[in-house]
C-alpha atoms as a PDB file:
ATOM      1  CA  MET A   1      12.515   6.431 -22.402  1.00  0.00           C
ATOM      2  CA  ALA A   2       9.305   6.103 -20.418  1.00  0.00           C
ATOM      3  CA  VAL A   3       8.686   9.535 -18.467  1.00  0.00           C
ATOM      4  CA  ALA A   4       8.506   9.390 -15.083  1.00  0.00           C
ATOM      5  CA  LEU A   5       5.168  11.070 -13.013  1.00  0.00           C
ATOM      6  CA  SER A   6       5.567  12.078  -9.554  1.00  0.00           C
ATOM      7  CA  VAL A   7       1.318  13.243  -9.628  1.00  0.00           C
ATOM      8  CA  VAL A   8      -0.554  12.023 -13.041  1.00  0.00           C
ATOM      9  CA  VAL A   9      -4.363  14.420 -11.841  1.00  0.00           C
ATOM     10  CA  LEU A  10      -7.188  12.593 -13.579  1.00  0.00           C
ATOM     11  CA  PRO A  11     -10.264  14.880 -13.955  1.00  0.00           C
ATOM     12  CA  ALA A  12     -13.387  13.967 -15.582  1.00  0.00           C
ATOM     13  CA  PHE A  13     -13.883  15.898 -18.358  1.00  0.00           C
ATOM     14  CA  ASN A  14     -13.183  19.642 -19.569  1.00  0.00           C
ATOM     15  CA  ASP A  15     -15.535  19.835 -22.256  1.00  0.00           C
ATOM     16  CA  LEU A  16     -19.375  20.218 -20.370  1.00  0.00           C
ATOM     17  CA  PRO A  17     -21.420  22.371 -21.782  1.00  0.00           C
ATOM     18  CA  GLY A  18     -22.482  24.913 -19.148  1.00  0.00           C
ATOM     19  CA  VAL A  19     -19.883  24.004 -16.100  1.00  0.00           C
ATOM     20  CA  PRO A  20     -16.814  24.665 -16.172  1.00  0.00           C
ATOM     21  CA  GLY A  21     -13.756  22.211 -17.336  1.00  0.00           C
ATOM     22  CA  GLU A  22     -12.410  20.132 -14.497  1.00  0.00           C
ATOM     23  CA  ALA A  23      -9.378  20.112 -16.191  1.00  0.00           C
ATOM     24  CA  THR A  24      -8.782  23.890 -17.176  1.00  0.00           C
ATOM     25  CA  PRO A  25      -7.451  25.205 -13.803  1.00  0.00           C
ATOM     26  CA  TRP A  26      -4.481  22.501 -14.026  1.00  0.00           C
ATOM     27  CA  TYR A  27      -3.927  23.906 -17.202  1.00  0.00           C
ATOM     28  CA  ASP A  28      -4.183  27.416 -16.376  1.00  0.00           C
ATOM     29  CA  ALA A  29      -1.616  26.933 -13.019  1.00  0.00           C
ATOM     30  CA  TYR A  30       1.024  24.536 -14.051  1.00  0.00           C
ATOM     31  CA  ARG A  31       1.169  25.408 -17.906  1.00  0.00           C
ATOM     32  CA  PRO A  32       2.666  22.288 -19.109  1.00  0.00           C
ATOM     33  CA  SER A  33       3.804  22.510 -21.979  1.00  0.00           C
ATOM     34  CA  GLU A  34       4.811  18.451 -23.024  1.00  0.00           C
ATOM     35  CA  THR A  35       2.490  16.259 -24.329  1.00  0.00           C
ATOM     36  CA  ILE A  36       2.200  12.421 -24.791  1.00  0.00           C
ATOM     37  CA  ASP A  37      -0.942  10.531 -27.058  1.00  0.00           C
ATOM     38  CA  ILE A  38      -1.131   7.199 -24.848  1.00  0.00           C
ATOM     39  CA  ASP A  39      -3.091   4.836 -27.497  1.00  0.00           C
ATOM     40  CA  GLY A  40      -6.360   3.897 -25.875  1.00  0.00           C
ATOM     41  CA  VAL A  41      -6.952   7.559 -24.070  1.00  0.00           C
ATOM     42  CA  ASP A  42      -9.128  10.218 -25.625  1.00  0.00           C
ATOM     43  CA  GLU A  43      -6.968  13.509 -24.992  1.00  0.00           C
ATOM     44  CA  PRO A  44      -3.049  13.637 -25.211  1.00  0.00           C
ATOM     45  CA  LEU A  45      -1.881  13.556 -21.334  1.00  0.00           C
ATOM     46  CA  ARG A  46       0.097  17.014 -20.373  1.00  0.00           C
ATOM     47  CA  TYR A  47       2.949  17.038 -17.938  1.00  0.00           C
ATOM     48  CA  THR A  48       5.733  19.415 -16.798  1.00  0.00           C
ATOM     49  CA  GLU A  49       9.439  19.350 -16.541  1.00  0.00           C
ATOM     50  CA  ASP A  50       8.946  18.624 -12.762  1.00  0.00           C
ATOM     51  CA  GLY A  51       6.794  15.769 -12.944  1.00  0.00           C
ATOM     52  CA  LEU A  52       3.111  16.536 -12.616  1.00  0.00           C
ATOM     53  CA  GLY A  53       0.568  14.876 -15.366  1.00  0.00           C
ATOM     54  CA  ILE A  54      -2.477  15.838 -16.459  1.00  0.00           C
ATOM     55  CA  VAL A  55      -5.261  13.739 -18.533  1.00  0.00           C
ATOM     56  CA  PRO A  56      -8.839  13.657 -18.342  1.00  0.00           C
ATOM     57  CA  THR A  57     -10.144  10.461 -18.268  1.00  0.00           C
ATOM     58  CA  GLY A  58     -13.572  10.670 -19.657  1.00  0.00           C
ATOM     59  CA  ILE A  59     -17.227  10.740 -17.788  1.00  0.00           C
ATOM     60  CA  GLY A  60     -18.089   7.600 -15.719  1.00  0.00           C
ATOM     61  CA  LYS A  61     -16.744   4.455 -14.516  1.00  0.00           C
ATOM     62  CA  ASN A  62     -16.144   3.089 -18.170  1.00  0.00           C
ATOM     63  CA  ALA A  63     -13.958   5.678 -19.244  1.00  0.00           C
ATOM     64  CA  ALA A  64     -12.513   6.376 -15.655  1.00  0.00           C
ATOM     65  CA  ALA A  65     -11.412   2.546 -16.087  1.00  0.00           C
ATOM     66  CA  ALA A  66     -10.421   2.880 -19.688  1.00  0.00           C
ATOM     67  CA  THR A  67      -8.342   5.580 -19.359  1.00  0.00           C
ATOM     68  CA  THR A  68      -6.693   4.509 -16.227  1.00  0.00           C
ATOM     69  CA  THR A  69      -5.373   0.867 -17.331  1.00  0.00           C
ATOM     70  CA  ALA A  70      -4.179   2.245 -20.804  1.00  0.00           C
ATOM     71  CA  LEU A  71      -1.607   4.892 -18.624  1.00  0.00           C
ATOM     72  CA  LEU A  72      -0.830   1.839 -16.543  1.00  0.00           C
ATOM     73  CA  THR A  73      -0.226  -0.324 -19.483  1.00  0.00           C
ATOM     74  CA  SER A  74       1.761   2.334 -21.765  1.00  0.00           C
ATOM     75  CA  ASN A  75       5.292   1.794 -22.406  1.00  0.00           C
ATOM     76  CA  LYS A  76       5.617   5.419 -22.767  1.00  0.00           C
ATOM     77  CA  LEU A  77       5.198   6.043 -19.004  1.00  0.00           C
ATOM     78  CA  ASP A  78       7.229   5.698 -15.564  1.00  0.00           C
ATOM     79  CA  LEU A  79       3.952   5.220 -13.143  1.00  0.00           C
ATOM     80  CA  SER A  80       5.570   2.836 -10.425  1.00  0.00           C
ATOM     81  CA  ASP A  81       5.783   5.863  -7.991  1.00  0.00           C
ATOM     82  CA  THR A  82       3.330   7.912  -9.287  1.00  0.00           C
ATOM     83  CA  LEU A  83       0.567   9.292  -6.982  1.00  0.00           C
ATOM     84  CA  PHE A  84      -3.061   9.261  -9.361  1.00  0.00           C
ATOM     85  CA  LEU A  85      -5.150  12.157  -8.031  1.00  0.00           C
ATOM     86  CA  THR A  86      -8.565  12.175  -8.926  1.00  0.00           C
ATOM     87  CA  VAL A  87     -10.319  15.781  -8.518  1.00  0.00           C
ATOM     88  CA  GLY A  88     -13.296  17.265  -9.377  1.00  0.00           C
ATOM     89  CA  VAL A  89     -16.948  18.003  -8.062  1.00  0.00           C
ATOM     90  CA  ALA A  90     -19.441  15.679  -6.370  1.00  0.00           C
ATOM     91  CA  GLY A  91     -23.077  15.302  -5.096  1.00  0.00           C
ATOM     92  CA  GLY A  92     -23.476  15.207  -1.184  1.00  0.00           C
ATOM     93  CA  PRO A  93     -25.678  15.520   1.480  1.00  0.00           C
ATOM     94  CA  PRO A  94     -27.411  18.533   2.740  1.00  0.00           C
ATOM     95  CA  SER A  95     -25.422  17.595   5.847  1.00  0.00           C
ATOM     96  CA  LEU A  96     -22.378  19.103   4.042  1.00  0.00           C
ATOM     97  CA  SER A  97     -22.594  23.036   2.849  1.00  0.00           C
ATOM     98  CA  ILE A  98     -21.850  23.730  -0.572  1.00  0.00           C
ATOM     99  CA  GLY A  99     -18.129  24.121  -1.433  1.00  0.00           C
ATOM    100  CA  SER A 100     -17.109  21.252   1.004  1.00  0.00           C
ATOM    101  CA  VAL A 101     -14.534  19.292   0.041  1.00  0.00           C
ATOM    102  CA  VAL A 102     -14.156  15.124   0.631  1.00  0.00           C
ATOM    103  CA  ILE A 103     -11.572  13.340   0.789  1.00  0.00           C
ATOM    104  CA  ALA A 104     -12.387   9.904   0.240  1.00  0.00           C
ATOM    105  CA  SER A 105     -11.346   7.200   3.070  1.00  0.00           C
ATOM    106  CA  ALA A 106     -12.982   4.743   0.840  1.00  0.00           C
ATOM    107  CA  ILE A 107     -15.287   4.260  -2.411  1.00  0.00           C
ATOM    108  CA  LEU A 108     -18.382   2.079  -2.888  1.00  0.00           C
ATOM    109  CA  ASP A 109     -19.494   1.260  -5.572  1.00  0.00           C
ATOM    110  CA  TRP A 110     -23.813   2.339  -6.112  1.00  0.00           C
ATOM    111  CA  ASP A 111     -24.090  -0.013  -8.859  1.00  0.00           C
ATOM    112  CA  ASP A 112     -22.905  -3.400  -7.224  1.00  0.00           C
ATOM    113  CA  LYS A 113     -26.094  -4.327  -5.375  1.00  0.00           C
ATOM    114  CA  CYS A 114     -28.994  -5.492  -5.651  1.00  0.00           C
ATOM    115  CA  ARG A 115     -32.407  -3.807  -6.976  1.00  0.00           C
ATOM    116  CA  PHE A 116     -35.911  -5.179  -6.405  1.00  0.00           C
ATOM    117  CA  ASP A 117     -39.628  -4.140  -6.913  1.00  0.00           C
ATOM    118  CA  TYR A 118     -40.801  -1.745  -4.309  1.00  0.00           C
ATOM    119  CA  PRO A 119     -43.294  -1.119  -2.585  1.00  0.00           C
ATOM    120  CA  THR A 120     -44.199  -4.730  -3.265  1.00  0.00           C
ATOM    121  CA  GLU A 121     -41.275  -6.090  -1.797  1.00  0.00           C
ATOM    122  CA  GLU A 122     -39.834  -5.084   1.732  1.00  0.00           C
ATOM    123  CA  SER A 123     -36.669  -3.300   0.948  1.00  0.00           C
ATOM    124  CA  PRO A 124     -35.711  -2.194  -2.389  1.00  0.00           C
ATOM    125  CA  ILE A 125     -32.504  -2.975  -2.133  1.00  0.00           C
ATOM    126  CA  ALA A 126     -30.212  -5.546  -1.107  1.00  0.00           C
ATOM    127  CA  LEU A 127     -26.264  -6.601  -1.273  1.00  0.00           C
ATOM    128  CA  ASN A 128     -25.149  -8.184  -4.441  1.00  0.00           C
ATOM    129  CA  PRO A 129     -24.541 -12.292  -3.148  1.00  0.00           C
ATOM    130  CA  TYR A 130     -22.023 -12.982  -5.932  1.00  0.00           C
ATOM    131  CA  THR A 131     -19.584  -9.866  -5.797  1.00  0.00           C
ATOM    132  CA  ASP A 132     -19.348 -10.099  -1.198  1.00  0.00           C
ATOM    133  CA  GLY A 133     -17.723  -6.889  -0.974  1.00  0.00           C
ATOM    134  CA  GLN A 134     -15.968  -6.326  -4.350  1.00  0.00           C
ATOM    135  CA  GLY A 135     -17.272  -3.152  -4.793  1.00  0.00           C
ATOM    136  CA  VAL A 136     -15.926  -1.501  -1.825  1.00  0.00           C
ATOM    137  CA  TYR A 137     -11.883  -0.250  -2.416  1.00  0.00           C
ATOM    138  CA  HIS A 138     -10.145   1.510   0.511  1.00  0.00           C
ATOM    139  CA  PRO A 139      -7.328   4.137  -0.172  1.00  0.00           C
ATOM    140  CA  ASP A 140      -4.211   4.155   1.790  1.00  0.00           C
ATOM    141  CA  GLY A 141      -5.722   4.962   5.467  1.00  0.00           C
ATOM    142  CA  ASP A 142      -2.207   6.799   5.660  1.00  0.00           C
ATOM    143  CA  THR A 143      -2.182   8.727   2.630  1.00  0.00           C
ATOM    144  CA  VAL A 144      -5.765   9.696   3.715  1.00  0.00           C
ATOM    145  CA  GLU A 145      -4.838  10.973   7.136  1.00  0.00           C
ATOM    146  CA  ARG A 146      -1.365  13.089   6.015  1.00  0.00           C
ATOM    147  CA  THR A 147      -3.567  14.318   3.610  1.00  0.00           C
ATOM    148  CA  LEU A 148      -6.397  15.463   5.839  1.00  0.00           C
ATOM    149  CA  THR A 149      -3.177  17.085   7.857  1.00  0.00           C
ATOM    150  CA  LEU A 150      -1.344  18.701   4.890  1.00  0.00           C
ATOM    151  CA  THR A 151      -4.642  20.640   3.994  1.00  0.00           C
ATOM    152  CA  ASP A 152      -5.998  21.278   7.281  1.00  0.00           C
ATOM    153  CA  ASN A 153      -5.686  25.140   6.554  1.00  0.00           C
ATOM    154  CA  VAL A 154      -6.211  25.461   3.308  1.00  0.00           C
ATOM    155  CA  GLU A 155      -8.607  28.194   2.839  1.00  0.00           C
ATOM    156  CA  LEU A 156     -11.883  27.409   1.155  1.00  0.00           C
ATOM    157  CA  THR A 157     -14.211  30.154  -0.800  1.00  0.00           C
ATOM    158  CA  THR A 158     -18.095  30.127  -0.766  1.00  0.00           C
ATOM    159  CA  SER A 159     -20.651  32.531  -2.338  1.00  0.00           C
ATOM    160  CA  ASP A 160     -24.095  33.431  -0.123  1.00  0.00           C
ATOM    161  CA  SER A 161     -25.847  32.745  -3.411  1.00  0.00           C
ATOM    162  CA  LEU A 162     -25.123  29.159  -3.210  1.00  0.00           C
ATOM    163  CA  PRO A 163     -28.264  26.954  -2.046  1.00  0.00           C
ATOM    164  CA  GLN A 164     -27.641  26.148   1.741  1.00  0.00           C
ATOM    165  CA  ARG A 165     -29.389  23.359   4.280  1.00  0.00           C
ATOM    166  CA  VAL A 166     -26.588  24.409   6.943  1.00  0.00           C
ATOM    167  CA  SER A 167     -25.032  27.959   7.781  1.00  0.00           C
ATOM    168  CA  ASP A 168     -21.666  26.392   8.632  1.00  0.00           C
ATOM    169  CA  SER A 169     -18.757  27.251   6.459  1.00  0.00           C
ATOM    170  CA  PRO A 170     -17.589  24.459   3.987  1.00  0.00           C
ATOM    171  CA  VAL A 171     -15.220  22.095   5.449  1.00  0.00           C
ATOM    172  CA  ILE A 172     -11.953  19.785   4.864  1.00  0.00           C
ATOM    173  CA  THR A 173     -13.960  15.730   5.523  1.00  0.00           C
ATOM    174  CA  PRO A 174     -13.268  12.745   5.195  1.00  0.00           C
ATOM    175  CA  GLY A 175     -15.896  10.434   4.044  1.00  0.00           C
ATOM    176  CA  THR A 176     -17.462   7.517   1.857  1.00  0.00           C
ATOM    177  CA  ASN A 177     -17.473   8.175  -1.964  1.00  0.00           C
ATOM    178  CA  VAL A 178     -20.483   6.452  -3.757  1.00  0.00           C
ATOM    179  CA  CYS A 179     -19.758   6.419  -6.917  1.00  0.00           C
ATOM    180  CA  GLY A 180     -22.689   4.972  -9.892  1.00  0.00           C
ATOM    181  CA  ASP A 181     -23.128   5.072 -13.533  1.00  0.00           C
ATOM    182  CA  GLU A 182     -26.700   6.195 -12.705  1.00  0.00           C
ATOM    183  CA  LEU A 183     -27.528   9.797 -11.737  1.00  0.00           C
ATOM    184  CA  TRP A 184     -29.912   9.759  -8.525  1.00  0.00           C
ATOM    185  CA  HIS A 185     -31.460  12.738  -7.063  1.00  0.00           C
ATOM    186  CA  GLY A 186     -33.812  12.159  -4.430  1.00  0.00           C
ATOM    187  CA  SER A 187     -34.528  11.758  -0.441  1.00  0.00           C
ATOM    188  CA  GLU A 188     -35.478   8.231  -0.843  1.00  0.00           C
ATOM    189  CA  LEU A 189     -32.929   7.247  -3.001  1.00  0.00           C
ATOM    190  CA  ALA A 190     -30.241   9.017  -1.059  1.00  0.00           C
ATOM    191  CA  ALA A 191     -31.686   6.909   2.074  1.00  0.00           C
ATOM    192  CA  GLN A 192     -30.541   3.955   0.090  1.00  0.00           C
ATOM    193  CA  VAL A 193     -27.548   4.942  -0.667  1.00  0.00           C
ATOM    194  CA  GLU A 194     -26.913   5.734   3.299  1.00  0.00           C
ATOM    195  CA  TRP A 195     -28.632   1.642   3.484  1.00  0.00           C
ATOM    196  CA  LEU A 196     -25.676   0.725   1.590  1.00  0.00           C
ATOM    197  CA  VAL A 197     -22.943   2.214   2.679  1.00  0.00           C
ATOM    198  CA  SER A 198     -23.962   1.227   6.097  1.00  0.00           C
ATOM    199  CA  HIS A 199     -23.988  -2.208   5.384  1.00  0.00           C
ATOM    200  CA  SER A 200     -20.707  -1.877   3.646  1.00  0.00           C
ATOM    201  CA  GLU A 201     -16.863  -2.551   4.793  1.00  0.00           C
ATOM    202  CA  THR A 202     -16.932   1.128   4.953  1.00  0.00           C
ATOM    203  CA  THR A 203     -16.536   2.953   8.147  1.00  0.00           C
ATOM    204  CA  ASP A 204     -17.118   6.635   7.737  1.00  0.00           C
ATOM    205  CA  PRO A 205     -20.453   7.642   6.076  1.00  0.00           C
ATOM    206  CA  TYR A 206     -21.746   8.797   2.714  1.00  0.00           C
ATOM    207  CA  ARG A 207     -20.338  12.286   2.177  1.00  0.00           C
ATOM    208  CA  ALA A 208     -20.241  12.335  -2.260  1.00  0.00           C
ATOM    209  CA  THR A 209     -21.261  11.000  -5.006  1.00  0.00           C
ATOM    210  CA  GLU A 210     -19.693  10.856  -8.246  1.00  0.00           C
ATOM    211  CA  MET A 211     -19.547   8.661 -11.854  1.00  0.00           C
ATOM    212  CA  GLU A 212     -15.698   7.899 -12.034  1.00  0.00           C
ATOM    213  CA  ASP A 213     -14.174   6.987  -8.883  1.00  0.00           C
ATOM    214  CA  ALA A 214     -14.945   3.299  -8.591  1.00  0.00           C
ATOM    215  CA  GLY A 215     -13.849   2.371 -12.052  1.00  0.00           C
ATOM    216  CA  THR A 216     -10.358   4.319 -11.413  1.00  0.00           C
ATOM    217  CA  ALA A 217      -9.701   2.317  -8.493  1.00  0.00           C
ATOM    218  CA  TYR A 218     -10.816  -0.850  -9.934  1.00  0.00           C
ATOM    219  CA  ALA A 219      -8.439  -0.551 -12.478  1.00  0.00           C
ATOM    220  CA  LEU A 220      -5.418   0.448  -9.637  1.00  0.00           C
ATOM    221  CA  SER A 221      -6.053  -2.678  -7.713  1.00  0.00           C
ATOM    222  CA  ARG A 222      -5.860  -5.107 -10.452  1.00  0.00           C
ATOM    223  CA  PHE A 223      -2.582  -3.226 -11.242  1.00  0.00           C
ATOM    224  CA  ASP A 224      -1.650  -3.478  -7.228  1.00  0.00           C
ATOM    225  CA  ALA A 225      -1.610   0.604  -7.242  1.00  0.00           C
ATOM    226  CA  LEU A 226      -4.573   0.852  -5.429  1.00  0.00           C
ATOM    227  CA  SER A 227      -2.413   2.195  -2.691  1.00  0.00           C
ATOM    228  CA  GLN A 228      -1.113   5.485  -4.827  1.00  0.00           C
ATOM    229  CA  TYR A 229      -4.392   6.667  -5.314  1.00  0.00           C
ATOM    230  CA  LEU A 230      -5.937   9.853  -3.737  1.00  0.00           C
ATOM    231  CA  CYS A 231      -9.873  11.207  -4.601  1.00  0.00           C
ATOM    232  CA  ILE A 232     -10.462  14.643  -3.562  1.00  0.00           C
ATOM    233  CA  ARG A 233     -13.972  15.944  -4.230  1.00  0.00           C
ATOM    234  CA  GLY A 234     -15.144  19.404  -4.280  1.00  0.00           C
ATOM    235  CA  ILE A 235     -19.362  19.136  -3.425  1.00  0.00           C
ATOM    236  CA  ALA A 236     -21.261  21.441  -5.378  1.00  0.00           C
ATOM    237  CA  ASN A 237     -24.863  20.043  -5.665  1.00  0.00           C
ATOM    238  CA  TYR A 238     -27.288  18.474  -2.834  1.00  0.00           C
ATOM    239  CA  ASP A 239     -28.478  14.635  -3.639  1.00  0.00           C
ATOM    240  CA  ARG A 240     -32.105  16.119  -2.989  1.00  0.00           C
ATOM    241  CA  PRO A 241     -34.091  19.001  -3.214  1.00  0.00           C
ATOM    242  CA  LEU A 242     -33.834  21.790   0.029  1.00  0.00           C
ATOM    243  CA  ASP A 243     -37.440  22.901  -0.793  1.00  0.00           C
ATOM    244  CA  SER A 244     -41.068  21.449  -1.505  1.00  0.00           C
ATOM    245  CA  GLN A 245     -39.874  21.237  -5.504  1.00  0.00           C
ATOM    246  CA  SER A 246     -39.940  17.312  -7.052  1.00  0.00           C
ATOM    247  CA  PRO A 247     -36.452  15.699  -7.351  1.00  0.00           C
ATOM    248  CA  ARG A 248     -36.994  15.687 -11.084  1.00  0.00           C
ATOM    249  CA  GLU A 249     -37.527  19.200 -10.788  1.00  0.00           C
ATOM    250  CA  ASN A 250     -34.965  20.483  -8.869  1.00  0.00           C
ATOM    251  CA  PHE A 251     -32.128  18.115 -10.917  1.00  0.00           C
ATOM    252  CA  PHE A 252     -33.410  20.060 -13.967  1.00  0.00           C
ATOM    253  CA  SER A 253     -33.702  22.966 -12.408  1.00  0.00           C
ATOM    254  CA  ASP A 254     -31.750  26.158 -13.714  1.00  0.00           C
ATOM    255  CA  SER A 255     -29.934  26.853  -9.831  1.00  0.00           C
ATOM    256  CA  PHE A 256     -29.152  23.226  -9.450  1.00  0.00           C
ATOM    257  CA  GLU A 257     -25.458  23.592 -11.290  1.00  0.00           C
ATOM    258  CA  SER A 258     -24.732  27.211  -9.592  1.00  0.00           C
ATOM    259  CA  GLY A 259     -22.231  25.120  -6.963  1.00  0.00           C
ATOM    260  CA  PHE A 260     -19.916  24.035  -9.668  1.00  0.00           C
ATOM    261  CA  ALA A 261     -17.535  26.883  -9.931  1.00  0.00           C
ATOM    262  CA  VAL A 262     -17.163  26.986  -6.073  1.00  0.00           C
ATOM    263  CA  GLY A 263     -16.985  23.065  -5.489  1.00  0.00           C
ATOM    264  CA  LEU A 264     -14.359  22.905  -8.245  1.00  0.00           C
ATOM    265  CA  GLU A 265     -12.368  25.640  -6.651  1.00  0.00           C
ATOM    266  CA  ASN A 266     -11.939  24.439  -3.188  1.00  0.00           C
ATOM    267  CA  ALA A 267     -11.051  20.608  -4.795  1.00  0.00           C
ATOM    268  CA  VAL A 268      -8.097  22.314  -6.848  1.00  0.00           C
ATOM    269  CA  ARG A 269      -7.344  24.604  -3.940  1.00  0.00           C
ATOM    270  CA  VAL A 270      -7.003  21.482  -1.339  1.00  0.00           C
ATOM    271  CA  ALA A 271      -5.437  18.969  -4.092  1.00  0.00           C
ATOM    272  CA  ARG A 272      -2.823  21.876  -5.384  1.00  0.00           C
ATOM    273  CA  ARG A 273      -1.987  21.427  -1.990  1.00  0.00           C
ATOM    274  CA  VAL A 274      -1.309  18.039  -2.206  1.00  0.00           C
ATOM    275  CA  VAL A 275       1.160  18.178  -5.288  1.00  0.00           C
ATOM    276  CA  GLU A 276       3.272  21.344  -4.452  1.00  0.00           C
ATOM    277  CA  ASN A 277       4.393  18.945  -1.821  1.00  0.00           C
ATOM    278  CA  GLU A 278       4.572  15.609  -3.906  1.00  0.00           C
ATOM    279  CA  LEU A 279       6.696  17.636  -6.493  1.00  0.00           C
END
């Protein structure tokens, strides 16, 4: 008999050296006692008796799409009424404090574009004429709005030792989530991201950048299940230097990953409010 799950949490990783595992807070909080091995998924899906499933997807869009597809096509699971919930860390623009939580109103595939020699050409990127907006995914708007209302009073943590461009406390906000296989960093590239967002079918500005969610959304859309998807990301670092460091120096500096713990903790705090409401 297939196992019916109310919520499936999809962290990206639990074994990346030097940073907190995205699945660990869920294992620690809910102590899932049952496991299922799913063909095509690297790690077993762990689940609780009340219907919470947890399984890392792996890093990157390909891994996320493959894992999500394997879950959706497995005869061991009944996911017809499941909420698929991505919870993890992300980069973001310096208009947000580290530790802010972004609930994706749209997910944009950063790799779905044209790129040209620059500065030879007037503009380094353009929309892809062959895909015609296929790289934009919209989670259900009512679900996003209900989530914002439900989590409005979740207390977020912060740290005075983290690099901050703004002095405000971290916030919970909707926004466009830009997903790409390319690890980019720097002000010029951030301007290109903002251009792509402004010329795509999105209404909210760019708020987060990560590597999995367009793959997850693509797989869900193929099975007419995108309306069952919610993405919650905690801002763990900035997408550009805040000082005179070069982008390369900043990206590989010792402090670049210092916000991972705060970003992950806040994302999980917000997501747990959603999970407890669903179970």
